[in-house]
Amino acid sequence: MGSYYLNKDTSHNPNGDNEVHVSTCCNMPSVLNRVYLGEFSNGIQAVQQAKAIGYYRADGCANCCPEAHRR
């Protein structure tokens, strides 16, 4: 299980996606730019949660959530 966060800032992402990160990711957004999603077994579940709360363009970080990253 890991703690997952969503990056509210989409300006760095050319697709305008909100990236989902596990708490240990080196690309974690600042405290001001993140939303706690919860504890999940994998990035796919975390991205599903992000979409369920209204972040429809959520996508997994390529580094820490490759299983949930759209290619």
PDB file of N, CA and C in Angstrom:
ATOM      1  N   MET A   1       0.848  -1.185   0.000  1.00  0.00           N
ATOM      2  CA  MET A   1       0.000   0.000   0.000  1.00  0.00           C
ATOM      3  C   MET A   1       0.884   1.236   0.000  1.00  0.00           C
ATOM      4  N   GLY A   2       0.440   2.238  -0.706  1.00  0.00           N
ATOM      5  CA  GLY A   2       1.170   3.489  -0.758  1.00  0.00           C
ATOM      6  C   GLY A   2       0.217   4.659  -0.640  1.00  0.00           C
ATOM      7  N   SER A   3       0.758   5.793  -0.238  1.00  0.00           N
ATOM      8  CA  SER A   3      -0.009   7.038  -0.182  1.00  0.00           C
ATOM      9  C   SER A   3       0.108   7.731  -1.532  1.00  0.00           C
ATOM     10  N   TYR A   4      -1.009   8.099  -2.110  1.00  0.00           N
ATOM     11  CA  TYR A   4      -1.024   8.691  -3.446  1.00  0.00           C
ATOM     12  C   TYR A   4      -1.566  10.110  -3.408  1.00  0.00           C
ATOM     13  N   TYR A   5      -0.992  10.930  -4.278  1.00  0.00           N
ATOM     14  CA  TYR A   5      -1.338  12.344  -4.375  1.00  0.00           C
ATOM     15  C   TYR A   5      -1.540  12.739  -5.829  1.00  0.00           C
ATOM     16  N   LEU A   6      -2.404  13.717  -6.036  1.00  0.00           N
ATOM     17  CA  LEU A   6      -2.655  14.257  -7.353  1.00  0.00           C
ATOM     18  C   LEU A   6      -2.033  15.637  -7.450  1.00  0.00           C
ATOM     19  N   ASN A   7      -1.391  15.927  -8.560  1.00  0.00           N
ATOM     20  CA  ASN A   7      -0.826  17.244  -8.794  1.00  0.00           C
ATOM     21  C   ASN A   7      -1.913  18.132  -9.394  1.00  0.00           C
ATOM     22  N   LYS A   8      -2.293  19.203  -8.675  1.00  0.00           N
ATOM     23  CA  LYS A   8      -3.314  20.131  -9.160  1.00  0.00           C
ATOM     24  C   LYS A   8      -2.795  21.008 -10.289  1.00  0.00           C
ATOM     25  N   ASP A   9      -1.496  21.214 -10.356  1.00  0.00           N
ATOM     26  CA  ASP A   9      -0.879  22.092 -11.353  1.00  0.00           C
ATOM     27  C   ASP A   9      -0.656  21.317 -12.650  1.00  0.00           C
ATOM     28  N   THR A  10      -1.319  21.744 -13.707  1.00  0.00           N
ATOM     29  CA  THR A  10      -1.184  21.066 -14.993  1.00  0.00           C
ATOM     30  C   THR A  10      -0.288  21.838 -15.962  1.00  0.00           C
ATOM     31  N   SER A  11       0.273  22.963 -15.536  1.00  0.00           N
ATOM     32  CA  SER A  11       1.040  23.817 -16.448  1.00  0.00           C
ATOM     33  C   SER A  11       2.305  23.149 -16.978  1.00  0.00           C
ATOM     34  N   HIS A  12       2.844  22.204 -16.245  1.00  0.00           N
ATOM     35  CA  HIS A  12       4.065  21.510 -16.674  1.00  0.00           C
ATOM     36  C   HIS A  12       3.783  20.374 -17.652  1.00  0.00           C
ATOM     37  N   ASN A  13       2.530  20.004 -17.787  1.00  0.00           N
ATOM     38  CA  ASN A  13       2.151  18.846 -18.585  1.00  0.00           C
ATOM     39  C   ASN A  13       1.566  19.300 -19.922  1.00  0.00           C
ATOM     40  N   PRO A  14       2.176  18.964 -21.038  1.00  0.00           N
ATOM     41  CA  PRO A  14       1.683  19.425 -22.343  1.00  0.00           C
ATOM     42  C   PRO A  14       0.273  18.934 -22.679  1.00  0.00           C
ATOM     43  N   ASN A  15      -0.159  17.835 -22.064  1.00  0.00           N
ATOM     44  CA  ASN A  15      -1.505  17.314 -22.311  1.00  0.00           C
ATOM     45  C   ASN A  15      -2.547  17.907 -21.372  1.00  0.00           C
ATOM     46  N   GLY A  16      -2.106  18.663 -20.383  1.00  0.00           N
ATOM     47  CA  GLY A  16      -3.033  19.225 -19.404  1.00  0.00           C
ATOM     48  C   GLY A  16      -3.552  18.213 -18.406  1.00  0.00           C
ATOM     49  N   ASP A  17      -2.850  17.087 -18.262  1.00  0.00           N
ATOM     50  CA  ASP A  17      -3.270  16.044 -17.322  1.00  0.00           C
ATOM     51  C   ASP A  17      -2.830  16.391 -15.905  1.00  0.00           C
ATOM     52  N   ASN A  18      -3.604  15.901 -14.943  1.00  0.00           N
ATOM     53  CA  ASN A  18      -3.217  15.961 -13.532  1.00  0.00           C
ATOM     54  C   ASN A  18      -2.499  14.659 -13.223  1.00  0.00           C
ATOM     55  N   GLU A  19      -1.217  14.732 -12.918  1.00  0.00           N
ATOM     56  CA  GLU A  19      -0.455  13.522 -12.649  1.00  0.00           C
ATOM     57  C   GLU A  19      -0.686  13.022 -11.230  1.00  0.00           C
ATOM     58  N   VAL A  20      -0.740  11.706 -11.107  1.00  0.00           N
ATOM     59  CA  VAL A  20      -0.880  11.033  -9.819  1.00  0.00           C
ATOM     60  C   VAL A  20       0.480  10.466  -9.443  1.00  0.00           C
ATOM     61  N   HIS A  21       0.884  10.711  -8.189  1.00  0.00           N
ATOM     62  CA  HIS A  21       2.194  10.281  -7.699  1.00  0.00           C
ATOM     63  C   HIS A  21       2.051   9.503  -6.397  1.00  0.00           C
ATOM     64  N   VAL A  22       2.941   8.554  -6.179  1.00  0.00           N
ATOM     65  CA  VAL A  22       3.069   7.897  -4.883  1.00  0.00           C
ATOM     66  C   VAL A  22       3.956   8.813  -4.029  1.00  0.00           C
ATOM     67  N   SER A  23       3.784   8.779  -2.733  1.00  0.00           N
ATOM     68  CA  SER A  23       4.451   9.732  -1.837  1.00  0.00           C
ATOM     69  C   SER A  23       5.971   9.700  -1.903  1.00  0.00           C
ATOM     70  N   THR A  24       6.544   8.622  -2.380  1.00  0.00           N
ATOM     71  CA  THR A  24       8.005   8.500  -2.449  1.00  0.00           C
ATOM     72  C   THR A  24       8.585   8.969  -3.782  1.00  0.00           C
ATOM     73  N   CYS A  25       7.762   9.470  -4.681  1.00  0.00           N
ATOM     74  CA  CYS A  25       8.216   9.882  -6.000  1.00  0.00           C
ATOM     75  C   CYS A  25       9.103  11.122  -5.931  1.00  0.00           C
ATOM     76  N   CYS A  26      10.156  11.131  -6.737  1.00  0.00           N
ATOM     77  CA  CYS A  26      11.050  12.292  -6.788  1.00  0.00           C
ATOM     78  C   CYS A  26      10.394  13.478  -7.486  1.00  0.00           C
ATOM     79  N   ASN A  27       9.250  13.275  -8.135  1.00  0.00           N
ATOM     80  CA  ASN A  27       8.529  14.342  -8.828  1.00  0.00           C
ATOM     81  C   ASN A  27       7.281  14.800  -8.074  1.00  0.00           C
ATOM     82  N   MET A  28       7.238  14.546  -6.780  1.00  0.00           N
ATOM     83  CA  MET A  28       6.076  14.954  -5.983  1.00  0.00           C
ATOM     84  C   MET A  28       5.858  16.453  -6.097  1.00  0.00           C
ATOM     85  N   PRO A  29       4.608  16.877  -6.278  1.00  0.00           N
ATOM     86  CA  PRO A  29       4.315  18.310  -6.314  1.00  0.00           C
ATOM     87  C   PRO A  29       4.456  18.930  -4.933  1.00  0.00           C
ATOM     88  N   SER A  30       4.560  20.258  -4.901  1.00  0.00           N
ATOM     89  CA  SER A  30       4.659  20.957  -3.621  1.00  0.00           C
ATOM     90  C   SER A  30       3.380  20.745  -2.817  1.00  0.00           C
ATOM     91  N   VAL A  31       3.461  20.989  -1.552  1.00  0.00           N
ATOM     92  CA  VAL A  31       2.305  20.813  -0.656  1.00  0.00           C
ATOM     93  C   VAL A  31       1.116  21.637  -1.145  1.00  0.00           C
ATOM     94  N   LEU A  32       1.376  22.809  -1.678  1.00  0.00           N
ATOM     95  CA  LEU A  32       0.302  23.688  -2.142  1.00  0.00           C
ATOM     96  C   LEU A  32      -0.369  23.191  -3.423  1.00  0.00           C
ATOM     97  N   ASN A  33       0.302  22.330  -4.170  1.00  0.00           N
ATOM     98  CA  ASN A  33      -0.216  21.871  -5.457  1.00  0.00           C
ATOM     99  C   ASN A  33      -0.638  20.413  -5.471  1.00  0.00           C
ATOM    100  N   ARG A  34      -0.917  19.848  -4.317  1.00  0.00           N
ATOM    101  CA  ARG A  34      -1.305  18.437  -4.336  1.00  0.00           C
ATOM    102  C   ARG A  34      -2.566  18.178  -3.526  1.00  0.00           C
ATOM    103  N   VAL A  35      -3.228  17.093  -3.913  1.00  0.00           N
ATOM    104  CA  VAL A  35      -4.436  16.622  -3.254  1.00  0.00           C
ATOM    105  C   VAL A  35      -4.175  15.186  -2.823  1.00  0.00           C
ATOM    106  N   TYR A  36      -4.405  14.897  -1.552  1.00  0.00           N
ATOM    107  CA  TYR A  36      -4.244  13.532  -1.051  1.00  0.00           C
ATOM    108  C   TYR A  36      -5.394  12.684  -1.577  1.00  0.00           C
ATOM    109  N   LEU A  37      -5.062  11.573  -2.213  1.00  0.00           N
ATOM    110  CA  LEU A  37      -6.073  10.676  -2.765  1.00  0.00           C
ATOM    111  C   LEU A  37      -6.395   9.510  -1.849  1.00  0.00           C
ATOM    112  N   GLY A  38      -5.410   9.063  -1.082  1.00  0.00           N
ATOM    113  CA  GLY A  38      -5.635   7.945  -0.176  1.00  0.00           C
ATOM    114  C   GLY A  38      -4.542   6.898  -0.285  1.00  0.00           C
ATOM    115  N   GLU A  39      -4.790   5.760   0.346  1.00  0.00           N
ATOM    116  CA  GLU A  39      -3.879   4.619   0.361  1.00  0.00           C
ATOM    117  C   GLU A  39      -4.395   3.585  -0.637  1.00  0.00           C
ATOM    118  N   PHE A  40      -3.525   3.190  -1.552  1.00  0.00           N
ATOM    119  CA  PHE A  40      -3.922   2.235  -2.586  1.00  0.00           C
ATOM    120  C   PHE A  40      -2.816   1.222  -2.823  1.00  0.00           C
ATOM    121  N   SER A  41      -3.193   0.115  -3.418  1.00  0.00           N
ATOM    122  CA  SER A  41      -2.233  -0.944  -3.744  1.00  0.00           C
ATOM    123  C   SER A  41      -1.423  -0.628  -4.989  1.00  0.00           C
ATOM    124  N   ASN A  42      -1.976   0.241  -5.854  1.00  0.00           N
ATOM    125  CA  ASN A  42      -1.275   0.564  -7.099  1.00  0.00           C
ATOM    126  C   ASN A  42      -1.788   1.883  -7.672  1.00  0.00           C
ATOM    127  N   GLY A  43      -1.084   2.357  -8.682  1.00  0.00           N
ATOM    128  CA  GLY A  43      -1.418   3.624  -9.311  1.00  0.00           C
ATOM    129  C   GLY A  43      -2.733   3.607 -10.066  1.00  0.00           C
ATOM    130  N   ILE A  44      -3.114   2.460 -10.574  1.00  0.00           N
ATOM    131  CA  ILE A  44      -4.385   2.362 -11.304  1.00  0.00           C
ATOM    132  C   ILE A  44      -5.550   2.715 -10.389  1.00  0.00           C
ATOM    133  N   GLN A  45      -5.537   2.178  -9.181  1.00  0.00           N
ATOM    134  CA  GLN A  45      -6.593   2.484  -8.215  1.00  0.00           C
ATOM    135  C   GLN A  45      -6.583   3.959  -7.844  1.00  0.00           C
ATOM    136  N   ALA A  46      -5.403   4.533  -7.698  1.00  0.00           N
ATOM    137  CA  ALA A  46      -5.288   5.945  -7.335  1.00  0.00           C
ATOM    138  C   ALA A  46      -5.817   6.847  -8.450  1.00  0.00           C
ATOM    139  N   VAL A  47      -5.508   6.516  -9.696  1.00  0.00           N
ATOM    140  CA  VAL A  47      -6.027   7.301 -10.825  1.00  0.00           C
ATOM    141  C   VAL A  47      -7.549   7.176 -10.896  1.00  0.00           C
ATOM    142  N   GLN A  48      -8.078   6.006 -10.639  1.00  0.00           N
ATOM    143  CA  GLN A  48      -9.534   5.824 -10.621  1.00  0.00           C
ATOM    144  C   GLN A  48     -10.170   6.718  -9.560  1.00  0.00           C
ATOM    145  N   GLN A  49      -9.528   6.815  -8.392  1.00  0.00           N
ATOM    146  CA  GLN A  49     -10.041   7.675  -7.326  1.00  0.00           C
ATOM    147  C   GLN A  49      -9.999   9.143  -7.749  1.00  0.00           C
ATOM    148  N   ALA A  50      -8.913   9.555  -8.371  1.00  0.00           N
ATOM    149  CA  ALA A  50      -8.789  10.942  -8.839  1.00  0.00           C
ATOM    150  C   ALA A  50      -9.918  11.275  -9.812  1.00  0.00           C
ATOM    151  N   LYS A  51     -10.218  10.370 -10.718  1.00  0.00           N
ATOM    152  CA  LYS A  51     -11.296  10.597 -11.683  1.00  0.00           C
ATOM    153  C   LYS A  51     -12.652  10.619 -10.992  1.00  0.00           C
ATOM    154  N   ALA A  52     -12.812   9.795  -9.963  1.00  0.00           N
ATOM    155  CA  ALA A  52     -14.073   9.730  -9.223  1.00  0.00           C
ATOM    156  C   ALA A  52     -14.367  11.030  -8.477  1.00  0.00           C
ATOM    157  N   ILE A  53     -13.325  11.771  -8.124  1.00  0.00           N
ATOM    158  CA  ILE A  53     -13.545  13.040  -7.403  1.00  0.00           C
ATOM    159  C   ILE A  53     -13.478  14.250  -8.334  1.00  0.00           C
ATOM    160  N   GLY A  54     -13.488  13.993  -9.643  1.00  0.00           N
ATOM    161  CA  GLY A  54     -13.627  15.082 -10.598  1.00  0.00           C
ATOM    162  C   GLY A  54     -12.410  15.469 -11.407  1.00  0.00           C
ATOM    163  N   TYR A  55     -11.294  14.814 -11.206  1.00  0.00           N
ATOM    164  CA  TYR A  55     -10.095  15.095 -11.999  1.00  0.00           C
ATOM    165  C   TYR A  55     -10.073  14.110 -13.167  1.00  0.00           C
ATOM    166  N   TYR A  56     -10.906  14.407 -14.170  1.00  0.00           N
ATOM    167  CA  TYR A  56     -11.144  13.470 -15.266  1.00  0.00           C
ATOM    168  C   TYR A  56      -9.933  13.265 -16.167  1.00  0.00           C
ATOM    169  N   ARG A  57      -8.972  14.166 -16.110  1.00  0.00           N
ATOM    170  CA  ARG A  57      -7.770  14.033 -16.932  1.00  0.00           C
ATOM    171  C   ARG A  57      -6.596  13.511 -16.102  1.00  0.00           C
ATOM    172  N   ALA A  58      -6.881  12.814 -15.029  1.00  0.00           N
ATOM    173  CA  ALA A  58      -5.822  12.247 -14.191  1.00  0.00           C
ATOM    174  C   ALA A  58      -5.073  11.164 -14.957  1.00  0.00           C
ATOM    175  N   ASP A  59      -3.766  11.098 -14.699  1.00  0.00           N
ATOM    176  CA  ASP A  59      -2.893  10.131 -15.358  1.00  0.00           C
ATOM    177  C   ASP A  59      -1.772   9.771 -14.390  1.00  0.00           C
ATOM    178  N   GLY A  60      -1.328   8.562 -14.424  1.00  0.00           N
ATOM    179  CA  GLY A  60      -0.232   8.132 -13.556  1.00  0.00           C
ATOM    180  C   GLY A  60       1.100   8.710 -13.998  1.00  0.00           C
ATOM    181  N   CYS A  61       1.936   9.041 -13.039  1.00  0.00           N
ATOM    182  CA  CYS A  61       3.293   9.516 -13.310  1.00  0.00           C
ATOM    183  C   CYS A  61       4.075   8.399 -14.012  1.00  0.00           C
ATOM    184  N   ALA A  62       4.803   8.757 -15.057  1.00  0.00           N
ATOM    185  CA  ALA A  62       5.584   7.756 -15.797  1.00  0.00           C
ATOM    186  C   ALA A  62       6.670   7.132 -14.929  1.00  0.00           C
ATOM    187  N   ASN A  63       7.152   7.870 -13.914  1.00  0.00           N
ATOM    188  CA  ASN A  63       8.230   7.360 -13.062  1.00  0.00           C
ATOM    189  C   ASN A  63       7.729   6.455 -11.939  1.00  0.00           C
ATOM    190  N   CYS A  64       6.730   6.907 -11.211  1.00  0.00           N
ATOM    191  CA  CYS A  64       6.320   6.155 -10.020  1.00  0.00           C
ATOM    192  C   CYS A  64       5.038   5.337 -10.209  1.00  0.00           C
ATOM    193  N   CYS A  65       4.271   5.606 -11.247  1.00  0.00           N
ATOM    194  CA  CYS A  65       3.021   4.873 -11.511  1.00  0.00           C
ATOM    195  C   CYS A  65       2.950   4.444 -12.973  1.00  0.00           C
ATOM    196  N   PRO A  66       3.978   3.763 -13.472  1.00  0.00           N
ATOM    197  CA  PRO A  66       3.978   3.425 -14.900  1.00  0.00           C
ATOM    198  C   PRO A  66       2.799   2.540 -15.324  1.00  0.00           C
ATOM    199  N   GLU A  67       2.270   1.772 -14.371  1.00  0.00           N
ATOM    200  CA  GLU A  67       1.142   0.909 -14.705  1.00  0.00           C
ATOM    201  C   GLU A  67      -0.118   1.723 -15.011  1.00  0.00           C
ATOM    202  N   ALA A  68      -0.171   2.977 -14.553  1.00  0.00           N
ATOM    203  CA  ALA A  68      -1.334   3.838 -14.748  1.00  0.00           C
ATOM    204  C   ALA A  68      -1.055   4.986 -15.713  1.00  0.00           C
ATOM    205  N   HIS A  69       0.125   4.972 -16.319  1.00  0.00           N
ATOM    206  CA  HIS A  69       0.509   6.046 -17.244  1.00  0.00           C
ATOM    207  C   HIS A  69       0.039   5.712 -18.646  1.00  0.00           C
ATOM    208  N   ARG A  70      -0.767   6.632 -19.222  1.00  0.00           N
ATOM    209  CA  ARG A  70      -1.211   6.427 -20.611  1.00  0.00           C
ATOM    210  C   ARG A  70      -0.039   6.637 -21.550  1.00  0.00           C
ATOM    211  N   ARG A  71       0.089   5.813 -22.474  1.00  0.00           N
ATOM    212  CA  ARG A  71       1.193   5.913 -23.418  1.00  0.00           C
ATOM    213  C   ARG A  71       0.777   6.592 -24.694  1.00  0.00           C
TER     214      ARG A  71
END
